Amino acid sequence: MMATAQPRRKFEYRNCGLCAAPNAPVKCKCQATHYCDKECQRKDRKAHRKSCTFLLQKDIDTVRRELQELKESNRFANEAMPKVCQLAGLHLSVGDLLGRTMLASNYELAEEHYKQAREIERILLSGASDEEDYVGHVGNSIMTLNSLGQLYSLWQREGDALQVYQEALDCVRHTMSVYGSTPFLQLTLSETLLHKARFTTPNTHVNFVKEAGQTNKNAVLHKHSGRKRSPSSVP
Protein backbone atom coordinates (compact mmCIF):
# COMPACT_ATOMS: atom_id res chain seq x y z
CA MET A 1 0.00 0.00 0.00
CA MET A 2 1.45 3.33 -1.05
CA ALA A 3 1.98 5.97 1.65
CA THR A 4 -0.25 9.00 1.40
CA ALA A 5 1.68 12.03 0.22
CA GLN A 6 1.98 14.72 2.86
CA PRO A 7 0.95 18.25 1.84
CA ARG A 8 3.89 20.61 1.42
CA ARG A 9 4.21 23.19 4.16
CA LYS A 10 3.25 26.62 2.98
CA PHE A 11 6.09 29.16 3.15
CA GLU A 12 5.51 31.69 5.93
CA TYR A 13 5.79 35.29 4.74
CA ARG A 14 6.08 38.30 7.01
CA ASN A 15 6.21 42.06 6.64
CA CYS A 16 9.47 43.54 5.41
CA GLY A 17 11.82 44.48 8.24
CA LEU A 18 12.68 47.75 6.48
CA CYS A 19 9.57 49.10 4.73
CA ALA A 20 6.90 46.86 6.36
CA ALA A 21 5.51 45.78 2.98
CA PRO A 22 3.48 42.56 3.38
CA ASN A 23 4.49 39.10 2.16
CA ALA A 24 8.25 39.79 2.08
CA PRO A 25 9.88 36.67 0.57
CA VAL A 26 13.58 37.13 1.50
CA LYS A 27 14.50 35.74 4.92
CA CYS A 28 17.61 36.75 6.87
CA LYS A 29 19.86 33.90 7.97
CA CYS A 30 18.86 34.61 11.57
CA GLN A 31 15.39 33.34 10.54
CA ALA A 32 13.70 36.20 12.41
CA THR A 33 13.38 38.95 9.79
CA HIS A 34 12.03 39.04 6.23
CA TYR A 35 12.67 41.54 3.42
CA CYS A 36 11.11 42.47 0.08
CA ASP A 37 14.42 41.87 -1.69
CA LYS A 38 18.20 42.02 -1.24
CA GLU A 39 18.15 45.81 -1.56
CA CYS A 40 15.85 46.22 1.47
CA GLN A 41 18.03 43.76 3.36
CA ARG A 42 21.20 45.71 2.49
CA LYS A 43 19.70 49.04 3.60
CA ASP A 44 18.57 47.56 6.94
CA ARG A 45 21.81 45.73 7.72
CA LYS A 46 23.27 48.38 10.05
CA ALA A 47 20.10 48.60 12.18
CA HIS A 48 19.36 44.87 12.03
CA ARG A 49 22.80 43.62 13.03
CA LYS A 50 22.16 44.51 16.71
CA SER A 51 19.30 42.00 16.82
CA CYS A 52 20.60 39.45 14.32
CA THR A 53 21.92 36.28 15.94
CA PHE A 54 23.64 35.28 12.69
CA LEU A 55 25.64 38.52 12.40
CA LEU A 56 26.37 38.62 16.15
CA GLN A 57 27.73 35.08 15.97
CA LYS A 58 30.01 36.22 13.15
CA ASP A 59 31.17 39.06 15.42
CA ILE A 60 31.89 36.53 18.17
CA ASP A 61 34.01 34.47 15.77
CA THR A 62 35.86 37.61 14.64
CA VAL A 63 36.66 38.76 18.19
CA ARG A 64 37.84 35.28 19.17
CA ARG A 65 40.13 35.21 16.14
CA GLU A 66 41.52 38.65 17.01
CA LEU A 67 42.18 37.56 20.59
CA GLN A 68 44.02 34.48 19.36
CA GLU A 69 46.16 36.68 17.10
CA LEU A 70 46.99 38.97 20.02
CA LYS A 71 47.95 35.97 22.12
CA GLU A 72 50.24 34.60 19.43
CA SER A 73 51.93 37.99 18.96
CA ASN A 74 52.57 38.44 22.71
CA ARG A 75 50.35 41.56 22.79
CA PHE A 76 47.49 39.90 24.65
CA ALA A 77 48.08 41.46 28.07
CA ASN A 78 48.20 45.03 26.74
CA GLU A 79 45.46 45.11 24.10
CA ALA A 80 43.05 42.27 24.87
CA MET A 81 40.87 43.70 27.67
CA PRO A 82 38.44 45.76 25.50
CA LYS A 83 37.95 42.79 23.18
CA VAL A 84 37.37 40.40 26.10
CA CYS A 85 34.68 42.77 27.43
CA GLN A 86 33.18 42.97 23.93
CA LEU A 87 33.12 39.18 23.68
CA ALA A 88 31.21 38.81 26.95
CA GLY A 89 28.69 41.42 25.80
CA LEU A 90 28.17 39.66 22.47
CA HIS A 91 27.47 36.33 24.16
CA LEU A 92 24.97 38.03 26.49
CA SER A 93 23.22 39.71 23.54
CA VAL A 94 22.86 36.47 21.60
CA GLY A 95 21.60 34.65 24.69
CA ASP A 96 18.98 37.35 25.24
CA LEU A 97 17.83 37.26 21.61
CA LEU A 98 17.51 33.47 21.57
CA GLY A 99 15.69 33.44 24.91
CA ARG A 100 13.18 36.06 23.77
CA THR A 101 12.04 33.86 20.91
CA MET A 102 10.18 31.77 23.53
CA LEU A 103 11.08 28.69 21.48
CA ALA A 104 12.26 25.71 23.52
CA SER A 105 14.46 24.68 20.59
CA ASN A 106 16.58 27.81 21.19
CA TYR A 107 16.93 27.52 24.97
CA GLU A 108 19.93 25.19 24.99
CA LEU A 109 21.92 27.48 22.69
CA ALA A 110 20.87 30.54 24.72
CA GLU A 111 22.08 28.79 27.89
CA GLU A 112 25.46 28.09 26.28
CA HIS A 113 25.93 31.76 25.34
CA TYR A 114 25.03 32.89 28.87
CA LYS A 115 27.52 30.41 30.33
CA GLN A 116 30.22 31.63 27.95
CA ALA A 117 29.54 35.22 29.05
CA ARG A 118 29.66 34.19 32.72
CA GLU A 119 33.02 32.44 32.34
CA ILE A 120 34.51 35.50 30.66
CA GLU A 121 33.12 37.75 33.41
CA ARG A 122 34.76 35.58 36.08
CA ILE A 123 38.10 36.17 34.37
CA LEU A 124 37.43 39.92 34.21
CA LEU A 125 36.52 40.02 37.91
CA SER A 126 39.72 38.24 38.88
CA GLY A 127 41.77 40.76 36.90
CA ALA A 128 39.94 43.97 37.87
CA SER A 129 42.36 46.84 38.36
CA ASP A 130 40.45 48.90 40.95
CA GLU A 131 37.17 49.19 42.87
CA GLU A 132 35.25 50.93 40.08
CA ASP A 133 36.41 48.37 37.54
CA TYR A 134 35.48 45.48 39.85
CA VAL A 135 32.00 46.83 40.65
CA GLY A 136 31.35 47.40 36.94
CA HIS A 137 32.21 43.77 36.18
CA VAL A 138 29.97 42.67 39.07
CA GLY A 139 27.09 44.53 37.41
CA ASN A 140 27.67 42.66 34.16
CA SER A 141 27.91 39.34 36.00
CA ILE A 142 24.62 39.92 37.82
CA MET A 143 22.94 40.91 34.54
CA THR A 144 24.04 37.64 32.95
CA LEU A 145 23.02 35.51 35.94
CA ASN A 146 19.58 37.13 36.13
CA SER A 147 19.09 36.62 32.39
CA LEU A 148 20.09 32.97 32.77
CA GLY A 149 17.67 32.61 35.68
CA GLN A 150 14.84 34.02 33.57
CA LEU A 151 15.72 31.57 30.79
CA TYR A 152 15.57 28.67 33.25
CA SER A 153 12.18 29.85 34.49
CA LEU A 154 10.83 29.83 30.90
CA TRP A 155 12.43 26.41 30.47
CA GLN A 156 10.67 25.21 33.66
CA ARG A 157 14.00 24.44 35.31
CA GLU A 158 13.15 26.11 38.60
CA GLY A 159 15.94 24.48 40.57
CA ASP A 160 18.54 25.83 38.18
CA ALA A 161 16.87 29.27 38.26
CA LEU A 162 17.09 29.36 42.06
CA GLN A 163 20.74 28.31 41.93
CA VAL A 164 21.84 31.10 39.59
CA TYR A 165 19.77 33.72 41.46
CA GLN A 166 21.48 32.65 44.67
CA GLU A 167 24.86 32.94 42.96
CA ALA A 168 23.92 36.47 41.89
CA LEU A 169 22.88 37.38 45.45
CA ASP A 170 26.10 35.96 46.90
CA CYS A 171 28.14 37.93 44.38
CA VAL A 172 26.52 41.31 45.05
CA ARG A 173 26.45 40.81 48.83
CA HIS A 174 30.15 39.90 48.84
CA THR A 175 30.92 43.02 46.83
CA MET A 176 28.92 45.16 49.28
CA SER A 177 30.76 43.61 52.23
CA VAL A 178 34.13 44.47 50.68
CA TYR A 179 33.46 47.87 49.09
CA GLY A 180 30.38 49.06 50.95
CA SER A 181 26.91 49.85 49.70
CA THR A 182 26.35 52.07 46.65
CA PRO A 183 23.11 53.03 44.86
CA PHE A 184 24.03 50.74 41.96
CA LEU A 185 24.70 47.74 44.22
CA GLN A 186 21.50 48.40 46.19
CA LEU A 187 19.42 48.43 43.01
CA THR A 188 21.19 45.32 41.72
CA LEU A 189 20.45 43.51 44.98
CA SER A 190 16.81 44.61 44.88
CA GLU A 191 16.28 43.39 41.32
CA THR A 192 17.87 40.01 42.06
CA LEU A 193 15.81 39.54 45.23
CA LEU A 194 12.62 40.17 43.26
CA HIS A 195 13.67 37.65 40.62
CA LYS A 196 14.37 35.01 43.26
CA ALA A 197 11.13 35.75 45.16
CA ARG A 198 9.14 34.16 42.33
CA PHE A 199 10.52 30.70 43.20
CA THR A 200 10.18 30.70 46.99
CA THR A 201 7.50 29.60 49.44
CA PRO A 202 4.77 32.15 50.24
CA ASN A 203 6.29 33.27 53.57
CA THR A 204 9.79 33.52 52.17
CA HIS A 205 8.40 35.34 49.13
CA VAL A 206 7.00 38.04 51.42
CA ASN A 207 10.37 38.40 53.17
CA PHE A 208 12.25 38.66 49.87
CA VAL A 209 9.85 41.31 48.57
CA LYS A 210 10.17 43.31 51.82
CA GLU A 211 13.97 43.13 51.64
CA ALA A 212 13.93 44.13 47.98
CA GLY A 213 11.69 47.09 48.77
CA GLN A 214 13.97 48.21 51.58
CA THR A 215 17.12 47.97 49.45
CA ASN A 216 15.39 49.89 46.68
CA LYS A 217 14.41 52.61 49.19
CA ASN A 218 17.98 52.78 50.48
CA ALA A 219 19.28 53.11 46.93
CA VAL A 220 17.03 56.11 46.33
CA LEU A 221 18.21 57.72 49.56
CA HIS A 222 21.85 57.16 48.59
CA LYS A 223 21.18 58.54 45.12
CA HIS A 224 20.02 61.84 46.56
CA SER A 225 22.91 62.01 49.02
CA GLY A 226 25.35 63.01 46.28
CA ARG A 227 27.42 59.80 46.31
CA LYS A 228 28.95 58.80 43.00
CA ARG A 229 27.12 55.96 41.33
CA SER A 230 29.23 53.08 40.03
CA PRO A 231 28.88 52.20 36.36
CA SER A 232 26.61 49.27 35.49
CA SER A 233 28.65 48.19 32.51
CA VAL A 234 32.13 48.31 31.10
CA PRO A 235 32.65 50.36 27.90
C-alpha atoms as a PDB file:
ATOM      1  CA  MET A   1       0.000   0.000   0.000  1.00  0.00           C
ATOM      2  CA  MET A   2       1.448   3.330  -1.052  1.00  0.00           C
ATOM      3  CA  ALA A   3       1.976   5.965   1.655  1.00  0.00           C
ATOM      4  CA  THR A   4      -0.254   9.002   1.402  1.00  0.00           C
ATOM      5  CA  ALA A   5       1.679  12.031   0.215  1.00  0.00           C
ATOM      6  CA  GLN A   6       1.982  14.721   2.865  1.00  0.00           C
ATOM      7  CA  PRO A   7       0.952  18.252   1.841  1.00  0.00           C
ATOM      8  CA  ARG A   8       3.894  20.613   1.418  1.00  0.00           C
ATOM      9  CA  ARG A   9       4.209  23.189   4.160  1.00  0.00           C
ATOM     10  CA  LYS A  10       3.255  26.622   2.975  1.00  0.00           C
ATOM     11  CA  PHE A  11       6.091  29.158   3.149  1.00  0.00           C
ATOM     12  CA  GLU A  12       5.515  31.686   5.926  1.00  0.00           C
ATOM     13  CA  TYR A  13       5.786  35.287   4.737  1.00  0.00           C
ATOM     14  CA  ARG A  14       6.081  38.300   7.014  1.00  0.00           C
ATOM     15  CA  ASN A  15       6.213  42.061   6.644  1.00  0.00           C
ATOM     16  CA  CYS A  16       9.471  43.538   5.411  1.00  0.00           C
ATOM     17  CA  GLY A  17      11.816  44.484   8.237  1.00  0.00           C
ATOM     18  CA  LEU A  18      12.682  47.754   6.479  1.00  0.00           C
ATOM     19  CA  CYS A  19       9.565  49.097   4.730  1.00  0.00           C
ATOM     20  CA  ALA A  20       6.902  46.863   6.358  1.00  0.00           C
ATOM     21  CA  ALA A  21       5.513  45.782   2.979  1.00  0.00           C
ATOM     22  CA  PRO A  22       3.480  42.557   3.378  1.00  0.00           C
ATOM     23  CA  ASN A  23       4.492  39.100   2.157  1.00  0.00           C
ATOM     24  CA  ALA A  24       8.249  39.788   2.084  1.00  0.00           C
ATOM     25  CA  PRO A  25       9.878  36.665   0.574  1.00  0.00           C
ATOM     26  CA  VAL A  26      13.578  37.127   1.502  1.00  0.00           C
ATOM     27  CA  LYS A  27      14.504  35.744   4.916  1.00  0.00           C
ATOM     28  CA  CYS A  28      17.614  36.748   6.868  1.00  0.00           C
ATOM     29  CA  LYS A  29      19.863  33.898   7.967  1.00  0.00           C
ATOM     30  CA  CYS A  30      18.857  34.607  11.569  1.00  0.00           C
ATOM     31  CA  GLN A  31      15.391  33.341  10.541  1.00  0.00           C
ATOM     32  CA  ALA A  32      13.704  36.203  12.413  1.00  0.00           C
ATOM     33  CA  THR A  33      13.377  38.953   9.791  1.00  0.00           C
ATOM     34  CA  HIS A  34      12.034  39.045   6.228  1.00  0.00           C
ATOM     35  CA  TYR A  35      12.675  41.544   3.423  1.00  0.00           C
ATOM     36  CA  CYS A  36      11.109  42.470   0.084  1.00  0.00           C
ATOM     37  CA  ASP A  37      14.424  41.870  -1.693  1.00  0.00           C
ATOM     38  CA  LYS A  38      18.198  42.020  -1.243  1.00  0.00           C
ATOM     39  CA  GLU A  39      18.150  45.813  -1.555  1.00  0.00           C
ATOM     40  CA  CYS A  40      15.853  46.221   1.475  1.00  0.00           C
ATOM     41  CA  GLN A  41      18.025  43.756   3.357  1.00  0.00           C
ATOM     42  CA  ARG A  42      21.200  45.715   2.493  1.00  0.00           C
ATOM     43  CA  LYS A  43      19.696  49.039   3.605  1.00  0.00           C
ATOM     44  CA  ASP A  44      18.573  47.558   6.937  1.00  0.00           C
ATOM     45  CA  ARG A  45      21.805  45.729   7.715  1.00  0.00           C
ATOM     46  CA  LYS A  46      23.271  48.377  10.054  1.00  0.00           C
ATOM     47  CA  ALA A  47      20.102  48.602  12.176  1.00  0.00           C
ATOM     48  CA  HIS A  48      19.363  44.874  12.027  1.00  0.00           C
ATOM     49  CA  ARG A  49      22.802  43.618  13.034  1.00  0.00           C
ATOM     50  CA  LYS A  50      22.162  44.515  16.713  1.00  0.00           C
ATOM     51  CA  SER A  51      19.296  42.000  16.817  1.00  0.00           C
ATOM     52  CA  CYS A  52      20.602  39.449  14.318  1.00  0.00           C
ATOM     53  CA  THR A  53      21.917  36.279  15.939  1.00  0.00           C
ATOM     54  CA  PHE A  54      23.637  35.278  12.686  1.00  0.00           C
ATOM     55  CA  LEU A  55      25.640  38.522  12.404  1.00  0.00           C
ATOM     56  CA  LEU A  56      26.369  38.625  16.148  1.00  0.00           C
ATOM     57  CA  GLN A  57      27.730  35.080  15.974  1.00  0.00           C
ATOM     58  CA  LYS A  58      30.011  36.217  13.146  1.00  0.00           C
ATOM     59  CA  ASP A  59      31.166  39.057  15.420  1.00  0.00           C
ATOM     60  CA  ILE A  60      31.894  36.528  18.169  1.00  0.00           C
ATOM     61  CA  ASP A  61      34.006  34.469  15.769  1.00  0.00           C
ATOM     62  CA  THR A  62      35.863  37.609  14.641  1.00  0.00           C
ATOM     63  CA  VAL A  63      36.662  38.758  18.189  1.00  0.00           C
ATOM     64  CA  ARG A  64      37.839  35.278  19.172  1.00  0.00           C
ATOM     65  CA  ARG A  65      40.128  35.207  16.136  1.00  0.00           C
ATOM     66  CA  GLU A  66      41.519  38.645  17.008  1.00  0.00           C
ATOM     67  CA  LEU A  67      42.180  37.563  20.585  1.00  0.00           C
ATOM     68  CA  GLN A  68      44.017  34.479  19.361  1.00  0.00           C
ATOM     69  CA  GLU A  69      46.158  36.675  17.097  1.00  0.00           C
ATOM     70  CA  LEU A  70      46.987  38.973  20.022  1.00  0.00           C
ATOM     71  CA  LYS A  71      47.949  35.972  22.119  1.00  0.00           C
ATOM     72  CA  GLU A  72      50.242  34.601  19.432  1.00  0.00           C
ATOM     73  CA  SER A  73      51.931  37.988  18.964  1.00  0.00           C
ATOM     74  CA  ASN A  74      52.574  38.440  22.706  1.00  0.00           C
ATOM     75  CA  ARG A  75      50.345  41.558  22.787  1.00  0.00           C
ATOM     76  CA  PHE A  76      47.490  39.901  24.645  1.00  0.00           C
ATOM     77  CA  ALA A  77      48.084  41.457  28.068  1.00  0.00           C
ATOM     78  CA  ASN A  78      48.199  45.031  26.743  1.00  0.00           C
ATOM     79  CA  GLU A  79      45.464  45.106  24.102  1.00  0.00           C
ATOM     80  CA  ALA A  80      43.052  42.267  24.871  1.00  0.00           C
ATOM     81  CA  MET A  81      40.874  43.704  27.666  1.00  0.00           C
ATOM     82  CA  PRO A  82      38.444  45.756  25.502  1.00  0.00           C
ATOM     83  CA  LYS A  83      37.954  42.794  23.182  1.00  0.00           C
ATOM     84  CA  VAL A  84      37.368  40.405  26.096  1.00  0.00           C
ATOM     85  CA  CYS A  85      34.683  42.768  27.433  1.00  0.00           C
ATOM     86  CA  GLN A  86      33.182  42.971  23.934  1.00  0.00           C
ATOM     87  CA  LEU A  87      33.117  39.183  23.676  1.00  0.00           C
ATOM     88  CA  ALA A  88      31.215  38.813  26.954  1.00  0.00           C
ATOM     89  CA  GLY A  89      28.688  41.417  25.804  1.00  0.00           C
ATOM     90  CA  LEU A  90      28.167  39.657  22.469  1.00  0.00           C
ATOM     91  CA  HIS A  91      27.471  36.330  24.162  1.00  0.00           C
ATOM     92  CA  LEU A  92      24.974  38.033  26.489  1.00  0.00           C
ATOM     93  CA  SER A  93      23.217  39.712  23.540  1.00  0.00           C
ATOM     94  CA  VAL A  94      22.863  36.469  21.596  1.00  0.00           C
ATOM     95  CA  GLY A  95      21.602  34.649  24.689  1.00  0.00           C
ATOM     96  CA  ASP A  96      18.981  37.351  25.240  1.00  0.00           C
ATOM     97  CA  LEU A  97      17.828  37.263  21.612  1.00  0.00           C
ATOM     98  CA  LEU A  98      17.509  33.471  21.573  1.00  0.00           C
ATOM     99  CA  GLY A  99      15.687  33.439  24.909  1.00  0.00           C
ATOM    100  CA  ARG A 100      13.183  36.058  23.773  1.00  0.00           C
ATOM    101  CA  THR A 101      12.038  33.855  20.907  1.00  0.00           C
ATOM    102  CA  MET A 102      10.176  31.767  23.527  1.00  0.00           C
ATOM    103  CA  LEU A 103      11.078  28.693  21.479  1.00  0.00           C
ATOM    104  CA  ALA A 104      12.260  25.714  23.517  1.00  0.00           C
ATOM    105  CA  SER A 105      14.459  24.682  20.595  1.00  0.00           C
ATOM    106  CA  ASN A 106      16.579  27.809  21.187  1.00  0.00           C
ATOM    107  CA  TYR A 107      16.930  27.516  24.971  1.00  0.00           C
ATOM    108  CA  GLU A 108      19.931  25.186  24.989  1.00  0.00           C
ATOM    109  CA  LEU A 109      21.920  27.478  22.695  1.00  0.00           C
ATOM    110  CA  ALA A 110      20.873  30.543  24.722  1.00  0.00           C
ATOM    111  CA  GLU A 111      22.082  28.786  27.895  1.00  0.00           C
ATOM    112  CA  GLU A 112      25.462  28.092  26.278  1.00  0.00           C
ATOM    113  CA  HIS A 113      25.927  31.759  25.336  1.00  0.00           C
ATOM    114  CA  TYR A 114      25.031  32.891  28.872  1.00  0.00           C
ATOM    115  CA  LYS A 115      27.521  30.408  30.328  1.00  0.00           C
ATOM    116  CA  GLN A 116      30.217  31.634  27.953  1.00  0.00           C
ATOM    117  CA  ALA A 117      29.536  35.219  29.054  1.00  0.00           C
ATOM    118  CA  ARG A 118      29.657  34.189  32.720  1.00  0.00           C
ATOM    119  CA  GLU A 119      33.015  32.437  32.338  1.00  0.00           C
ATOM    120  CA  ILE A 120      34.514  35.497  30.661  1.00  0.00           C
ATOM    121  CA  GLU A 121      33.119  37.751  33.410  1.00  0.00           C
ATOM    122  CA  ARG A 122      34.763  35.575  36.079  1.00  0.00           C
ATOM    123  CA  ILE A 123      38.101  36.174  34.372  1.00  0.00           C
ATOM    124  CA  LEU A 124      37.427  39.920  34.205  1.00  0.00           C
ATOM    125  CA  LEU A 125      36.519  40.023  37.905  1.00  0.00           C
ATOM    126  CA  SER A 126      39.715  38.238  38.875  1.00  0.00           C
ATOM    127  CA  GLY A 127      41.770  40.761  36.899  1.00  0.00           C
ATOM    128  CA  ALA A 128      39.937  43.968  37.869  1.00  0.00           C
ATOM    129  CA  SER A 129      42.362  46.841  38.361  1.00  0.00           C
ATOM    130  CA  ASP A 130      40.450  48.905  40.949  1.00  0.00           C
ATOM    131  CA  GLU A 131      37.167  49.191  42.869  1.00  0.00           C
ATOM    132  CA  GLU A 132      35.250  50.930  40.075  1.00  0.00           C
ATOM    133  CA  ASP A 133      36.412  48.366  37.542  1.00  0.00           C
ATOM    134  CA  TYR A 134      35.482  45.482  39.855  1.00  0.00           C
ATOM    135  CA  VAL A 135      31.997  46.828  40.648  1.00  0.00           C
ATOM    136  CA  GLY A 136      31.355  47.397  36.940  1.00  0.00           C
ATOM    137  CA  HIS A 137      32.207  43.771  36.182  1.00  0.00           C
ATOM    138  CA  VAL A 138      29.968  42.667  39.066  1.00  0.00           C
ATOM    139  CA  GLY A 139      27.087  44.526  37.411  1.00  0.00           C
ATOM    140  CA  ASN A 140      27.675  42.656  34.159  1.00  0.00           C
ATOM    141  CA  SER A 141      27.909  39.344  36.000  1.00  0.00           C
ATOM    142  CA  ILE A 142      24.616  39.915  37.815  1.00  0.00           C
ATOM    143  CA  MET A 143      22.939  40.913  34.543  1.00  0.00           C
ATOM    144  CA  THR A 144      24.044  37.641  32.949  1.00  0.00           C
ATOM    145  CA  LEU A 145      23.018  35.513  35.936  1.00  0.00           C
ATOM    146  CA  ASN A 146      19.577  37.126  36.132  1.00  0.00           C
ATOM    147  CA  SER A 147      19.089  36.619  32.394  1.00  0.00           C
ATOM    148  CA  LEU A 148      20.090  32.970  32.766  1.00  0.00           C
ATOM    149  CA  GLY A 149      17.668  32.614  35.680  1.00  0.00           C
ATOM    150  CA  GLN A 150      14.842  34.017  33.565  1.00  0.00           C
ATOM    151  CA  LEU A 151      15.723  31.575  30.790  1.00  0.00           C
ATOM    152  CA  TYR A 152      15.574  28.666  33.252  1.00  0.00           C
ATOM    153  CA  SER A 153      12.175  29.850  34.490  1.00  0.00           C
ATOM    154  CA  LEU A 154      10.834  29.827  30.899  1.00  0.00           C
ATOM    155  CA  TRP A 155      12.430  26.414  30.466  1.00  0.00           C
ATOM    156  CA  GLN A 156      10.665  25.208  33.658  1.00  0.00           C
ATOM    157  CA  ARG A 157      14.004  24.445  35.312  1.00  0.00           C
ATOM    158  CA  GLU A 158      13.145  26.114  38.599  1.00  0.00           C
ATOM    159  CA  GLY A 159      15.939  24.480  40.573  1.00  0.00           C
ATOM    160  CA  ASP A 160      18.542  25.830  38.177  1.00  0.00           C
ATOM    161  CA  ALA A 161      16.872  29.265  38.261  1.00  0.00           C
ATOM    162  CA  LEU A 162      17.094  29.361  42.061  1.00  0.00           C
ATOM    163  CA  GLN A 163      20.744  28.314  41.930  1.00  0.00           C
ATOM    164  CA  VAL A 164      21.844  31.103  39.593  1.00  0.00           C
ATOM    165  CA  TYR A 165      19.768  33.725  41.457  1.00  0.00           C
ATOM    166  CA  GLN A 166      21.484  32.654  44.673  1.00  0.00           C
ATOM    167  CA  GLU A 167      24.860  32.945  42.959  1.00  0.00           C
ATOM    168  CA  ALA A 168      23.922  36.471  41.894  1.00  0.00           C
ATOM    169  CA  LEU A 169      22.882  37.377  45.449  1.00  0.00           C
ATOM    170  CA  ASP A 170      26.095  35.957  46.898  1.00  0.00           C
ATOM    171  CA  CYS A 171      28.144  37.929  44.378  1.00  0.00           C
ATOM    172  CA  VAL A 172      26.521  41.307  45.048  1.00  0.00           C
ATOM    173  CA  ARG A 173      26.453  40.807  48.832  1.00  0.00           C
ATOM    174  CA  HIS A 174      30.148  39.897  48.841  1.00  0.00           C
ATOM    175  CA  THR A 175      30.922  43.021  46.827  1.00  0.00           C
ATOM    176  CA  MET A 176      28.915  45.160  49.278  1.00  0.00           C
ATOM    177  CA  SER A 177      30.759  43.610  52.230  1.00  0.00           C
ATOM    178  CA  VAL A 178      34.125  44.470  50.684  1.00  0.00           C
ATOM    179  CA  TYR A 179      33.457  47.865  49.090  1.00  0.00           C
ATOM    180  CA  GLY A 180      30.385  49.065  50.953  1.00  0.00           C
ATOM    181  CA  SER A 181      26.909  49.854  49.700  1.00  0.00           C
ATOM    182  CA  THR A 182      26.352  52.067  46.652  1.00  0.00           C
ATOM    183  CA  PRO A 183      23.106  53.031  44.863  1.00  0.00           C
ATOM    184  CA  PHE A 184      24.035  50.742  41.960  1.00  0.00           C
ATOM    185  CA  LEU A 185      24.698  47.743  44.217  1.00  0.00           C
ATOM    186  CA  GLN A 186      21.505  48.400  46.195  1.00  0.00           C
ATOM    187  CA  LEU A 187      19.421  48.426  43.009  1.00  0.00           C
ATOM    188  CA  THR A 188      21.193  45.325  41.720  1.00  0.00           C
ATOM    189  CA  LEU A 189      20.452  43.509  44.978  1.00  0.00           C
ATOM    190  CA  SER A 190      16.808  44.614  44.879  1.00  0.00           C
ATOM    191  CA  GLU A 191      16.278  43.385  41.317  1.00  0.00           C
ATOM    192  CA  THR A 192      17.869  40.014  42.061  1.00  0.00           C
ATOM    193  CA  LEU A 193      15.805  39.541  45.225  1.00  0.00           C
ATOM    194  CA  LEU A 194      12.616  40.170  43.264  1.00  0.00           C
ATOM    195  CA  HIS A 195      13.668  37.648  40.620  1.00  0.00           C
ATOM    196  CA  LYS A 196      14.366  35.011  43.258  1.00  0.00           C
ATOM    197  CA  ALA A 197      11.133  35.746  45.163  1.00  0.00           C
ATOM    198  CA  ARG A 198       9.141  34.156  42.330  1.00  0.00           C
ATOM    199  CA  PHE A 199      10.522  30.703  43.197  1.00  0.00           C
ATOM    200  CA  THR A 200      10.175  30.698  46.989  1.00  0.00           C
ATOM    201  CA  THR A 201       7.503  29.597  49.443  1.00  0.00           C
ATOM    202  CA  PRO A 202       4.769  32.155  50.239  1.00  0.00           C
ATOM    203  CA  ASN A 203       6.293  33.266  53.567  1.00  0.00           C
ATOM    204  CA  THR A 204       9.790  33.519  52.167  1.00  0.00           C
ATOM    205  CA  HIS A 205       8.399  35.335  49.133  1.00  0.00           C
ATOM    206  CA  VAL A 206       7.003  38.044  51.419  1.00  0.00           C
ATOM    207  CA  ASN A 207      10.373  38.403  53.170  1.00  0.00           C
ATOM    208  CA  PHE A 208      12.248  38.665  49.868  1.00  0.00           C
ATOM    209  CA  VAL A 209       9.848  41.310  48.569  1.00  0.00           C
ATOM    210  CA  LYS A 210      10.169  43.307  51.817  1.00  0.00           C
ATOM    211  CA  GLU A 211      13.973  43.127  51.643  1.00  0.00           C
ATOM    212  CA  ALA A 212      13.934  44.135  47.976  1.00  0.00           C
ATOM    213  CA  GLY A 213      11.691  47.093  48.772  1.00  0.00           C
ATOM    214  CA  GLN A 214      13.974  48.211  51.584  1.00  0.00           C
ATOM    215  CA  THR A 215      17.116  47.969  49.451  1.00  0.00           C
ATOM    216  CA  ASN A 216      15.388  49.891  46.681  1.00  0.00           C
ATOM    217  CA  LYS A 217      14.408  52.607  49.188  1.00  0.00           C
ATOM    218  CA  ASN A 218      17.981  52.776  50.481  1.00  0.00           C
ATOM    219  CA  ALA A 219      19.277  53.109  46.930  1.00  0.00           C
ATOM    220  CA  VAL A 220      17.029  56.111  46.327  1.00  0.00           C
ATOM    221  CA  LEU A 221      18.213  57.724  49.560  1.00  0.00           C
ATOM    222  CA  HIS A 222      21.853  57.162  48.586  1.00  0.00           C
ATOM    223  CA  LYS A 223      21.180  58.539  45.122  1.00  0.00           C
ATOM    224  CA  HIS A 224      20.018  61.842  46.563  1.00  0.00           C
ATOM    225  CA  SER A 225      22.910  62.008  49.021  1.00  0.00           C
ATOM    226  CA  GLY A 226      25.352  63.008  46.283  1.00  0.00           C
ATOM    227  CA  ARG A 227      27.423  59.802  46.307  1.00  0.00           C
ATOM    228  CA  LYS A 228      28.948  58.803  42.999  1.00  0.00           C
ATOM    229  CA  ARG A 229      27.120  55.958  41.335  1.00  0.00           C
ATOM    230  CA  SER A 230      29.231  53.081  40.034  1.00  0.00           C
ATOM    231  CA  PRO A 231      28.880  52.197  36.365  1.00  0.00           C
ATOM    232  CA  SER A 232      26.605  49.271  35.494  1.00  0.00           C
ATOM    233  CA  SER A 233      28.654  48.194  32.512  1.00  0.00           C
ATOM    234  CA  VAL A 234      32.127  48.311  31.097  1.00  0.00           C
ATOM    235  CA  PRO A 235      32.653  50.361  27.898  1.00  0.00           C
END
